[in-house]
């Protein structure tokens, strides 16, 4: 994971990053098999800090982007009108 932006304000720290990963494949699930795949997706983490300790964490990443890279959904699945 590579941090691309870190912002601190009061007791909150926000970290934007990109995570990368891969698996040697195939990854077998009830719907079929996913071949060896390299993936990369953006993520955001929000940390709440009190007394120098992290007391809460919330994180989010682009699930649809990841599922598209793994060919679990088609590239046109996220359309808006």
PDB file of N, CA and C in Angstrom:
ATOM      1  N   UNK A   1       0.846  -1.162   0.000  1.00  0.00           N
ATOM      2  CA  UNK A   1       0.000   0.000   0.000  1.00  0.00           C
ATOM      3  C   UNK A   1       0.892   1.224   0.000  1.00  0.00           C
ATOM      4  N   UNK A   2       0.538   2.190  -0.835  1.00  0.00           N
ATOM      5  CA  UNK A   2       1.317   3.416  -0.940  1.00  0.00           C
ATOM      6  C   UNK A   2       0.422   4.603  -0.631  1.00  0.00           C
ATOM      7  N   UNK A   3       0.783   5.383   0.393  1.00  0.00           N
ATOM      8  CA  UNK A   3       0.009   6.579   0.734  1.00  0.00           C
ATOM      9  C   UNK A   3       0.260   7.662  -0.301  1.00  0.00           C
ATOM     10  N   UNK A   4      -0.829   8.282  -0.752  1.00  0.00           N
ATOM     11  CA  UNK A   4      -0.718   9.349  -1.746  1.00  0.00           C
ATOM     12  C   UNK A   4      -1.036  10.714  -1.160  1.00  0.00           C
ATOM     13  N   UNK A   5      -1.717  10.745   0.006  1.00  0.00           N
ATOM     14  CA  UNK A   5      -2.062  12.007   0.632  1.00  0.00           C
ATOM     15  C   UNK A   5      -2.416  11.730   2.088  1.00  0.00           C
ATOM     16  N   UNK A   6      -1.905  12.554   2.994  1.00  0.00           N
ATOM     17  CA  UNK A   6      -2.220  12.434   4.419  1.00  0.00           C
ATOM     18  C   UNK A   6      -2.612  13.814   4.918  1.00  0.00           C
ATOM     19  N   UNK A   7      -3.797  13.896   5.560  1.00  0.00           N
ATOM     20  CA  UNK A   7      -4.298  15.172   6.075  1.00  0.00           C
ATOM     21  C   UNK A   7      -4.665  14.979   7.536  1.00  0.00           C
ATOM     22  N   UNK A   8      -4.198  15.905   8.379  1.00  0.00           N
ATOM     23  CA  UNK A   8      -4.502  15.864   9.806  1.00  0.00           C
ATOM     24  C   UNK A   8      -5.278  17.115  10.180  1.00  0.00           C
ATOM     25  N   UNK A   9      -6.343  16.929  10.947  1.00  0.00           N
ATOM     26  CA  UNK A   9      -7.132  18.057  11.435  1.00  0.00           C
ATOM     27  C   UNK A   9      -7.718  17.681  12.791  1.00  0.00           C
ATOM     28  N   UNK A  10      -7.267  18.365  13.835  1.00  0.00           N
ATOM     29  CA  UNK A  10      -7.746  18.043  15.173  1.00  0.00           C
ATOM     30  C   UNK A  10      -7.402  16.617  15.542  1.00  0.00           C
ATOM     31  N   UNK A  11      -8.433  15.824  15.892  1.00  0.00           N
ATOM     32  CA  UNK A  11      -8.182  14.438  16.286  1.00  0.00           C
ATOM     33  C   UNK A  11      -8.401  13.451  15.144  1.00  0.00           C
ATOM     34  N   UNK A  12      -8.477  13.960  13.909  1.00  0.00           N
ATOM     35  CA  UNK A  12      -8.679  13.093  12.748  1.00  0.00           C
ATOM     36  C   UNK A  12      -7.466  13.101  11.820  1.00  0.00           C
ATOM     37  N   UNK A  13      -7.144  11.939  11.290  1.00  0.00           N
ATOM     38  CA  UNK A  13      -6.110  11.799  10.270  1.00  0.00           C
ATOM     39  C   UNK A  13      -6.736  11.027   9.113  1.00  0.00           C
ATOM     40  N   UNK A  14      -6.665  11.601   7.909  1.00  0.00           N
ATOM     41  CA  UNK A  14      -7.205  10.962   6.714  1.00  0.00           C
ATOM     42  C   UNK A  14      -6.036  10.566   5.822  1.00  0.00           C
ATOM     43  N   UNK A  15      -6.028   9.301   5.401  1.00  0.00           N
ATOM     44  CA  UNK A  15      -4.951   8.783   4.555  1.00  0.00           C
ATOM     45  C   UNK A  15      -5.562   8.268   3.257  1.00  0.00           C
ATOM     46  N   UNK A  16      -5.164   8.873   2.149  1.00  0.00           N
ATOM     47  CA  UNK A  16      -5.528   8.354   0.828  1.00  0.00           C
ATOM     48  C   UNK A  16      -4.373   7.489   0.360  1.00  0.00           C
ATOM     49  N   UNK A  17      -4.694   6.349  -0.224  1.00  0.00           N
ATOM     50  CA  UNK A  17      -3.628   5.454  -0.669  1.00  0.00           C
ATOM     51  C   UNK A  17      -4.100   4.579  -1.822  1.00  0.00           C
ATOM     52  N   UNK A  18      -3.158   3.859  -2.393  1.00  0.00           N
ATOM     53  CA  UNK A  18      -3.449   2.868  -3.422  1.00  0.00           C
ATOM     54  C   UNK A  18      -2.884   1.549  -2.920  1.00  0.00           C
ATOM     55  N   UNK A  19      -3.716   0.526  -2.954  1.00  0.00           N
ATOM     56  CA  UNK A  19      -3.191  -0.780  -2.583  1.00  0.00           C
ATOM     57  C   UNK A  19      -3.032  -1.619  -3.836  1.00  0.00           C
ATOM     58  N   UNK A  20      -2.037  -2.442  -3.793  1.00  0.00           N
ATOM     59  CA  UNK A  20      -1.773  -3.347  -4.905  1.00  0.00           C
ATOM     60  C   UNK A  20      -1.681  -4.758  -4.354  1.00  0.00           C
ATOM     61  N   UNK A  21      -2.024  -5.702  -5.188  1.00  0.00           N
ATOM     62  CA  UNK A  21      -1.942  -7.085  -4.763  1.00  0.00           C
ATOM     63  C   UNK A  21      -2.007  -8.009  -5.959  1.00  0.00           C
ATOM     64  N   UNK A  22      -1.738  -9.259  -5.712  1.00  0.00           N
ATOM     65  CA  UNK A  22      -1.812 -10.261  -6.765  1.00  0.00           C
ATOM     66  C   UNK A  22      -2.012 -11.619  -6.129  1.00  0.00           C
ATOM     67  N   UNK A  23      -2.476 -12.529  -6.926  1.00  0.00           N
ATOM     68  CA  UNK A  23      -2.525 -13.916  -6.482  1.00  0.00           C
ATOM     69  C   UNK A  23      -2.025 -14.784  -7.625  1.00  0.00           C
ATOM     70  N   UNK A  24      -1.481 -15.935  -7.272  1.00  0.00           N
ATOM     71  CA  UNK A  24      -0.870 -16.807  -8.270  1.00  0.00           C
ATOM     72  C   UNK A  24      -1.909 -17.538  -9.111  1.00  0.00           C
ATOM     73  N   UNK A  25      -3.172 -17.568  -8.634  1.00  0.00           N
ATOM     74  CA  UNK A  25      -4.263 -18.164  -9.387  1.00  0.00           C
ATOM     75  C   UNK A  25      -4.097 -19.653  -9.580  1.00  0.00           C
ATOM     76  N   UNK A  26      -5.096 -20.306 -10.041  1.00  0.00           N
ATOM     77  CA  UNK A  26      -6.439 -19.738 -10.143  1.00  0.00           C
ATOM     78  C   UNK A  26      -7.128 -19.693  -8.778  1.00  0.00           C
ATOM     79  N   UNK A  27      -8.013 -18.711  -8.615  1.00  0.00           N
ATOM     80  CA  UNK A  27      -8.837 -18.585  -7.426  1.00  0.00           C
ATOM     81  C   UNK A  27     -10.196 -19.170  -7.780  1.00  0.00           C
ATOM     82  N   UNK A  28     -10.550 -20.264  -7.146  1.00  0.00           N
ATOM     83  CA  UNK A  28     -11.767 -20.990  -7.502  1.00  0.00           C
ATOM     84  C   UNK A  28     -12.890 -20.599  -6.542  1.00  0.00           C
ATOM     85  N   UNK A  29     -14.053 -20.251  -7.107  1.00  0.00           N
ATOM     86  CA  UNK A  29     -15.242 -19.994  -6.307  1.00  0.00           C
ATOM     87  C   UNK A  29     -16.422 -20.705  -6.964  1.00  0.00           C
ATOM     88  N   UNK A  30     -17.594 -20.716  -6.333  1.00  0.00           N
ATOM     89  CA  UNK A  30     -18.729 -21.444  -6.901  1.00  0.00           C
ATOM     90  C   UNK A  30     -19.124 -20.989  -8.312  1.00  0.00           C
ATOM     91  N   UNK A  31     -18.791 -19.729  -8.665  1.00  0.00           N
ATOM     92  CA  UNK A  31     -19.151 -19.220  -9.981  1.00  0.00           C
ATOM     93  C   UNK A  31     -18.130 -19.523 -11.062  1.00  0.00           C
ATOM     94  N   UNK A  32     -17.020 -20.091 -10.703  1.00  0.00           N
ATOM     95  CA  UNK A  32     -15.980 -20.376 -11.695  1.00  0.00           C
ATOM     96  C   UNK A  32     -14.601 -20.167 -11.119  1.00  0.00           C
ATOM     97  N   UNK A  33     -13.679 -19.777 -11.996  1.00  0.00           N
ATOM     98  CA  UNK A  33     -12.291 -19.653 -11.611  1.00  0.00           C
ATOM     99  C   UNK A  33     -11.751 -18.303 -12.072  1.00  0.00           C
ATOM    100  N   UNK A  34     -11.007 -17.625 -11.202  1.00  0.00           N
ATOM    101  CA  UNK A  34     -10.378 -16.354 -11.537  1.00  0.00           C
ATOM    102  C   UNK A  34      -8.898 -16.635 -11.780  1.00  0.00           C
ATOM    103  N   UNK A  35      -8.376 -16.282 -12.967  1.00  0.00           N
ATOM    104  CA  UNK A  35      -6.966 -16.546 -13.249  1.00  0.00           C
ATOM    105  C   UNK A  35      -6.056 -15.641 -12.412  1.00  0.00           C
ATOM    106  N   UNK A  36      -4.776 -15.935 -12.425  1.00  0.00           N
ATOM    107  CA  UNK A  36      -3.801 -15.097 -11.735  1.00  0.00           C
ATOM    108  C   UNK A  36      -4.010 -13.646 -12.161  1.00  0.00           C
ATOM    109  N   UNK A  37      -4.039 -12.750 -11.172  1.00  0.00           N
ATOM    110  CA  UNK A  37      -4.408 -11.362 -11.449  1.00  0.00           C
ATOM    111  C   UNK A  37      -3.589 -10.411 -10.590  1.00  0.00           C
ATOM    112  N   UNK A  38      -3.142  -9.304 -11.172  1.00  0.00           N
ATOM    113  CA  UNK A  38      -2.585  -8.180 -10.422  1.00  0.00           C
ATOM    114  C   UNK A  38      -3.667  -7.122 -10.336  1.00  0.00           C
ATOM    115  N   UNK A  39      -3.866  -6.543  -9.158  1.00  0.00           N
ATOM    116  CA  UNK A  39      -4.894  -5.519  -8.981  1.00  0.00           C
ATOM    117  C   UNK A  39      -4.312  -4.298  -8.299  1.00  0.00           C
ATOM    118  N   UNK A  40      -4.972  -3.168  -8.518  1.00  0.00           N
ATOM    119  CA  UNK A  40      -4.593  -1.909  -7.881  1.00  0.00           C
ATOM    120  C   UNK A  40      -5.872  -1.106  -7.702  1.00  0.00           C
ATOM    121  N   UNK A  41      -6.090  -0.557  -6.505  1.00  0.00           N
ATOM    122  CA  UNK A  41      -7.308   0.204  -6.257  1.00  0.00           C
ATOM    123  C   UNK A  41      -7.045   1.300  -5.223  1.00  0.00           C
ATOM    124  N   UNK A  42      -7.767   2.418  -5.348  1.00  0.00           N
ATOM    125  CA  UNK A  42      -7.626   3.491  -4.363  1.00  0.00           C
ATOM    126  C   UNK A  42      -8.372   3.147  -3.081  1.00  0.00           C
ATOM    127  N   UNK A  43      -7.897   3.712  -1.976  1.00  0.00           N
ATOM    128  CA  UNK A  43      -8.588   3.531  -0.699  1.00  0.00           C
ATOM    129  C   UNK A  43      -8.441   4.796   0.144  1.00  0.00           C
ATOM    130  N   UNK A  44      -9.338   4.938   1.116  1.00  0.00           N
ATOM    131  CA  UNK A  44      -9.305   6.065   2.051  1.00  0.00           C
ATOM    132  C   UNK A  44      -9.501   5.505   3.447  1.00  0.00           C
ATOM    133  N   UNK A  45      -8.663   5.931   4.383  1.00  0.00           N
ATOM    134  CA  UNK A  45      -8.782   5.534   5.774  1.00  0.00           C
ATOM    135  C   UNK A  45      -8.880   6.784   6.638  1.00  0.00           C
ATOM    136  N   UNK A  46      -9.777   6.770   7.614  1.00  0.00           N
ATOM    137  CA  UNK A  46      -9.935   7.867   8.561  1.00  0.00           C
ATOM    138  C   UNK A  46      -9.641   7.319   9.947  1.00  0.00           C
ATOM    139  N   UNK A  47      -8.678   7.924  10.622  1.00  0.00           N
ATOM    140  CA  UNK A  47      -8.291   7.510  11.960  1.00  0.00           C
ATOM    141  C   UNK A  47      -8.672   8.602  12.948  1.00  0.00           C
ATOM    142  N   UNK A  48      -9.254   8.211  14.074  1.00  0.00           N
ATOM    143  CA  UNK A  48      -9.536   9.135  15.155  1.00  0.00           C
ATOM    144  C   UNK A  48      -8.511   8.868  16.245  1.00  0.00           C
ATOM    145  N   UNK A  49      -7.794   9.922  16.654  1.00  0.00           N
ATOM    146  CA  UNK A  49      -6.684   9.767  17.592  1.00  0.00           C
ATOM    147  C   UNK A  49      -6.970  10.580  18.860  1.00  0.00           C
ATOM    148  N   UNK A  50      -6.801   9.913  20.010  1.00  0.00           N
ATOM    149  CA  UNK A  50      -6.927  10.598  21.307  1.00  0.00           C
ATOM    150  C   UNK A  50      -5.784  10.143  22.209  1.00  0.00           C
ATOM    151  N   UNK A  51      -5.139  11.096  22.838  1.00  0.00           N
ATOM    152  CA  UNK A  51      -4.045  10.752  23.755  1.00  0.00           C
ATOM    153  C   UNK A  51      -2.917  10.002  23.082  1.00  0.00           C
ATOM    154  N   UNK A  52      -2.706  10.272  21.786  1.00  0.00           N
ATOM    155  CA  UNK A  52      -1.633   9.618  21.059  1.00  0.00           C
ATOM    156  C   UNK A  52      -1.951   8.201  20.611  1.00  0.00           C
ATOM    157  N   UNK A  53      -3.204   7.761  20.798  1.00  0.00           N
ATOM    158  CA  UNK A  53      -3.597   6.412  20.391  1.00  0.00           C
ATOM    159  C   UNK A  53      -4.766   6.463  19.415  1.00  0.00           C
ATOM    160  N   UNK A  54      -4.782   5.535  18.483  1.00  0.00           N
ATOM    161  CA  UNK A  54      -5.905   5.420  17.552  1.00  0.00           C
ATOM    162  C   UNK A  54      -7.068   4.792  18.308  1.00  0.00           C
ATOM    163  N   UNK A  55      -8.207   5.507  18.348  1.00  0.00           N
ATOM    164  CA  UNK A  55      -9.374   4.998  19.072  1.00  0.00           C
ATOM    165  C   UNK A  55     -10.491   4.562  18.119  1.00  0.00           C
ATOM    166  N   UNK A  56     -10.383   4.961  16.855  1.00  0.00           N
ATOM    167  CA  UNK A  56     -11.381   4.535  15.871  1.00  0.00           C
ATOM    168  C   UNK A  56     -10.755   4.553  14.490  1.00  0.00           C
ATOM    169  N   UNK A  57     -11.279   3.698  13.613  1.00  0.00           N
ATOM    170  CA  UNK A  57     -10.799   3.621  12.230  1.00  0.00           C
ATOM    171  C   UNK A  57     -11.975   3.322  11.322  1.00  0.00           C
ATOM    172  N   UNK A  58     -12.048   4.045  10.207  1.00  0.00           N
ATOM    173  CA  UNK A  58     -13.026   3.771   9.162  1.00  0.00           C
ATOM    174  C   UNK A  58     -12.264   3.728   7.852  1.00  0.00           C
ATOM    175  N   UNK A  59     -12.572   2.765   7.031  1.00  0.00           N
ATOM    176  CA  UNK A  59     -11.870   2.627   5.757  1.00  0.00           C
ATOM    177  C   UNK A  59     -12.822   2.317   4.625  1.00  0.00           C
ATOM    178  N   UNK A  60     -12.416   2.712   3.441  1.00  0.00           N
ATOM    179  CA  UNK A  60     -13.238   2.471   2.263  1.00  0.00           C
ATOM    180  C   UNK A  60     -12.329   2.289   1.051  1.00  0.00           C
ATOM    181  N   UNK A  61     -12.769   1.421   0.117  1.00  0.00           N
ATOM    182  CA  UNK A  61     -12.051   1.292  -1.145  1.00  0.00           C
ATOM    183  C   UNK A  61     -13.069   1.024  -2.238  1.00  0.00           C
ATOM    184  N   UNK A  62     -12.634   1.151  -3.466  1.00  0.00           N
ATOM    185  CA  UNK A  62     -13.520   1.027  -4.621  1.00  0.00           C
ATOM    186  C   UNK A  62     -13.751  -0.447  -4.944  1.00  0.00           C
ATOM    187  N   UNK A  63     -14.791  -1.021  -4.345  1.00  0.00           N
ATOM    188  CA  UNK A  63     -15.100  -2.438  -4.553  1.00  0.00           C
ATOM    189  C   UNK A  63     -15.394  -2.758  -6.011  1.00  0.00           C
ATOM    190  N   UNK A  64     -16.125  -1.872  -6.698  1.00  0.00           N
ATOM    191  CA  UNK A  64     -16.482  -2.136  -8.086  1.00  0.00           C
ATOM    192  C   UNK A  64     -15.240  -2.175  -8.971  1.00  0.00           C
ATOM    193  N   UNK A  65     -14.315  -1.260  -8.742  1.00  0.00           N
ATOM    194  CA  UNK A  65     -13.066  -1.258  -9.507  1.00  0.00           C
ATOM    195  C   UNK A  65     -12.316  -2.576  -9.294  1.00  0.00           C
ATOM    196  N   UNK A  66     -12.231  -3.011  -8.052  1.00  0.00           N
ATOM    197  CA  UNK A  66     -11.535  -4.265  -7.753  1.00  0.00           C
ATOM    198  C   UNK A  66     -12.244  -5.452  -8.413  1.00  0.00           C
ATOM    199  N   UNK A  67     -13.570  -5.512  -8.304  1.00  0.00           N
ATOM    200  CA  UNK A  67     -14.314  -6.617  -8.904  1.00  0.00           C
ATOM    201  C   UNK A  67     -14.188  -6.617 -10.420  1.00  0.00           C
ATOM    202  N   UNK A  68     -14.103  -5.426 -11.026  1.00  0.00           N
ATOM    203  CA  UNK A  68     -13.919  -5.333 -12.478  1.00  0.00           C
ATOM    204  C   UNK A  68     -12.546  -5.875 -12.878  1.00  0.00           C
ATOM    205  N   UNK A  69     -11.510  -5.508 -12.112  1.00  0.00           N
ATOM    206  CA  UNK A  69     -10.165  -6.010 -12.408  1.00  0.00           C
ATOM    207  C   UNK A  69     -10.082  -7.528 -12.279  1.00  0.00           C
ATOM    208  N   UNK A  70     -10.882  -8.097 -11.388  1.00  0.00           N
ATOM    209  CA  UNK A  70     -10.895  -9.549 -11.206  1.00  0.00           C
ATOM    210  C   UNK A  70     -11.856 -10.233 -12.180  1.00  0.00           C
ATOM    211  N   UNK A  71     -12.476  -9.450 -13.061  1.00  0.00           N
ATOM    212  CA  UNK A  71     -13.432  -9.937 -14.059  1.00  0.00           C
ATOM    213  C   UNK A  71     -14.660 -10.594 -13.420  1.00  0.00           C
ATOM    214  N   UNK A  72     -15.029 -10.102 -12.229  1.00  0.00           N
ATOM    215  CA  UNK A  72     -16.233 -10.588 -11.567  1.00  0.00           C
ATOM    216  C   UNK A  72     -17.467  -9.823 -12.022  1.00  0.00           C
ATOM    217  N   UNK A  73     -17.271  -8.617 -12.545  1.00  0.00           N
ATOM    218  CA  UNK A  73     -18.338  -7.819 -13.144  1.00  0.00           C
ATOM    219  C   UNK A  73     -17.795  -7.236 -14.434  1.00  0.00           C
ATOM    220  N   UNK A  74     -18.678  -6.882 -15.353  1.00  0.00           N
ATOM    221  CA  UNK A  74     -18.215  -6.303 -16.615  1.00  0.00           C
ATOM    222  C   UNK A  74     -17.843  -4.837 -16.409  1.00  0.00           C
ATOM    223  N   UNK A  75     -16.991  -4.321 -17.274  1.00  0.00           N
ATOM    224  CA  UNK A  75     -16.512  -2.952 -17.161  1.00  0.00           C
ATOM    225  C   UNK A  75     -17.636  -1.945 -17.249  1.00  0.00           C
ATOM    226  N   UNK A  76     -18.740  -2.257 -17.903  1.00  0.00           N
ATOM    227  CA  UNK A  76     -19.857  -1.331 -18.047  1.00  0.00           C
ATOM    228  C   UNK A  76     -20.892  -1.446 -16.941  1.00  0.00           C
ATOM    229  N   UNK A  77     -20.597  -2.178 -15.865  1.00  0.00           N
ATOM    230  CA  UNK A  77     -21.582  -2.416 -14.813  1.00  0.00           C
ATOM    231  C   UNK A  77     -21.951  -1.149 -14.061  1.00  0.00           C
ATOM    232  N   UNK A  78     -21.053  -0.200 -13.959  1.00  0.00           N
ATOM    233  CA  UNK A  78     -21.321   1.021 -13.206  1.00  0.00           C
ATOM    234  C   UNK A  78     -21.658   2.162 -14.142  1.00  0.00           C
ATOM    235  N   UNK A  79     -22.868   2.186 -14.614  1.00  0.00           N
ATOM    236  CA  UNK A  79     -23.298   3.280 -15.477  1.00  0.00           C
ATOM    237  C   UNK A  79     -24.325   4.117 -14.748  1.00  0.00           C
ATOM    238  N   UNK A  80     -24.339   5.393 -15.024  1.00  0.00           N
ATOM    239  CA  UNK A  80     -25.329   6.290 -14.426  1.00  0.00           C
ATOM    240  C   UNK A  80     -26.124   6.946 -15.529  1.00  0.00           C
ATOM    241  N   UNK A  81     -27.337   7.313 -15.214  1.00  0.00           N
ATOM    242  CA  UNK A  81     -28.157   7.998 -16.224  1.00  0.00           C
ATOM    243  C   UNK A  81     -28.611   9.345 -15.728  1.00  0.00           C
TER     244      UNK A  81
END
